[in-house]
Amino acid sequence: MDASLSFRYPRVFIVDRDGSICIIGHPDSLEDVLPKVIDGSWHASAEAKNVEKERIAEGEMHVSEKPFRDRIRATAEIEDWETALSASEEGTNLIPDSLSLRKWHVGI
């Protein structure tokens, strides 16, 4: 999962007849994608490229947020709210587009 930048569950990996991974995504995407993989039209499609690009961007965001989320969780568990708030502020300053860090900030 880490190597594929997949951090949310559930995840499916669809492999084509050539043994190439065509898509890594949520099981809900099977209904739309699987027929295209079977008929061979998915792999080279613009839709496939966009889905992969979005998945990678999401994974990279997750990786960059993880140290902050870990610090926030650890300090929140011991009820060190000042440090948790500081970590959430640091995270949102460095990654302003992160909704999860903003949610942590509001929660604290």
Protein backbone atom coordinates (compact mmCIF):
# COMPACT_ATOMS: atom_id res chain seq x y z
CA MET A 1 0.00 0.00 0.00
CA ASP A 2 2.77 2.49 0.88
CA ALA A 3 4.62 1.88 -2.39
CA SER A 4 1.46 2.68 -4.35
CA LEU A 5 0.76 5.84 -2.31
CA SER A 6 -2.50 4.26 -1.13
CA PHE A 7 -3.40 5.06 2.43
CA ARG A 8 -7.17 4.81 2.61
CA TYR A 9 -9.24 1.65 2.83
CA PRO A 10 -10.79 -0.11 1.08
CA ARG A 11 -8.59 -0.17 -2.05
CA VAL A 12 -8.67 -2.35 -5.14
CA PHE A 13 -5.88 -3.00 -7.59
CA ILE A 14 -7.10 -3.88 -11.08
CA VAL A 15 -4.58 -5.79 -13.19
CA ASP A 16 -5.01 -6.16 -16.95
CA ARG A 17 -4.32 -9.24 -19.07
CA ASP A 18 -0.71 -8.15 -19.56
CA GLY A 19 -0.14 -8.10 -15.81
CA SER A 20 0.01 -4.29 -15.57
CA ILE A 21 -1.78 -2.48 -12.77
CA CYS A 22 -4.45 -0.40 -14.49
CA ILE A 23 -5.97 1.34 -11.54
CA ILE A 24 -5.65 1.59 -7.81
CA GLY A 25 -8.81 2.95 -6.30
CA HIS A 26 -11.96 2.54 -4.32
CA PRO A 27 -14.14 -0.52 -5.01
CA ASP A 28 -16.93 1.81 -6.14
CA SER A 29 -14.86 2.59 -9.24
CA LEU A 30 -15.05 -1.04 -10.41
CA GLU A 31 -18.41 -0.64 -12.11
CA ASP A 32 -17.15 2.10 -14.44
CA VAL A 33 -13.55 1.01 -14.93
CA LEU A 34 -13.64 -2.78 -15.19
CA PRO A 35 -15.51 -2.94 -18.54
CA LYS A 36 -12.96 -0.50 -20.01
CA VAL A 37 -10.06 -2.59 -18.71
CA ILE A 38 -11.61 -5.74 -20.17
CA ASP A 39 -12.15 -4.20 -23.61
CA GLY A 40 -8.66 -2.63 -23.57
CA SER A 41 -9.76 1.00 -23.79
CA TRP A 42 -8.81 2.05 -20.25
CA HIS A 43 -5.02 1.89 -20.20
CA ALA A 44 -4.33 4.62 -22.79
CA SER A 45 -7.34 6.81 -22.03
CA ALA A 46 -7.16 10.38 -20.75
CA GLU A 47 -9.54 9.34 -17.97
CA ALA A 48 -7.02 6.74 -16.74
CA LYS A 49 -4.22 9.29 -16.74
CA ASN A 50 -6.34 11.80 -14.80
CA VAL A 51 -7.42 9.20 -12.23
CA GLU A 52 -3.80 8.17 -11.66
CA LYS A 53 -2.62 11.79 -11.44
CA GLU A 54 -5.28 12.58 -8.82
CA ARG A 55 -4.49 9.41 -6.85
CA ILE A 56 -0.78 10.25 -6.74
CA ALA A 57 -1.45 13.86 -5.69
CA GLU A 58 -3.72 12.61 -2.89
CA GLY A 59 -1.06 10.13 -1.76
CA GLU A 60 1.66 12.77 -1.76
CA MET A 61 -0.56 15.05 0.32
CA HIS A 62 -1.15 12.22 2.78
CA VAL A 63 2.60 11.58 3.11
CA SER A 64 3.34 15.26 3.75
CA GLU A 65 0.54 15.52 6.37
CA LYS A 66 1.41 12.33 8.24
CA PRO A 67 4.14 13.71 10.55
CA PHE A 68 1.81 16.49 11.68
CA ARG A 69 -1.16 14.16 12.19
CA ASP A 70 1.04 11.77 14.20
CA ARG A 71 2.28 14.60 16.44
CA ILE A 72 -1.23 15.95 16.91
CA ARG A 73 -2.61 12.50 17.79
CA ALA A 74 0.19 11.75 20.24
CA THR A 75 -0.16 15.07 22.06
CA ALA A 76 -3.97 14.91 22.04
CA GLU A 77 -3.85 11.43 23.62
CA ILE A 78 -1.94 12.82 26.59
CA GLU A 79 -4.15 15.92 26.55
CA ASP A 80 -1.26 18.29 25.84
CA TRP A 81 -3.58 20.64 24.00
CA GLU A 82 -1.09 23.48 23.66
CA THR A 83 1.40 21.27 21.80
CA ALA A 84 -1.36 19.68 19.74
CA LEU A 85 -2.62 23.12 18.74
CA SER A 86 0.90 24.23 17.89
CA ALA A 87 1.44 21.15 15.69
CA SER A 88 -1.88 21.69 13.91
CA GLU A 89 -1.05 25.36 13.30
CA GLU A 90 2.39 24.44 11.97
CA GLY A 91 0.85 21.86 9.66
CA THR A 92 -1.84 24.17 8.31
CA ASN A 93 0.73 26.92 7.73
CA LEU A 94 2.95 24.57 5.73
CA ILE A 95 0.11 22.72 3.97
CA PRO A 96 -2.76 25.25 3.75
CA ASP A 97 -4.85 23.05 1.40
CA SER A 98 -5.01 20.15 3.87
CA LEU A 99 -8.59 19.67 5.02
CA SER A 100 -7.62 16.96 7.50
CA LEU A 101 -5.14 19.23 9.29
CA ARG A 102 -7.73 22.02 9.38
CA LYS A 103 -10.26 19.58 10.87
CA TRP A 104 -7.75 18.63 13.57
CA HIS A 105 -7.13 22.31 14.26
CA VAL A 106 -10.84 23.03 14.68
CA GLY A 107 -11.28 19.94 16.85
CA ILE A 108 -8.49 20.94 19.20
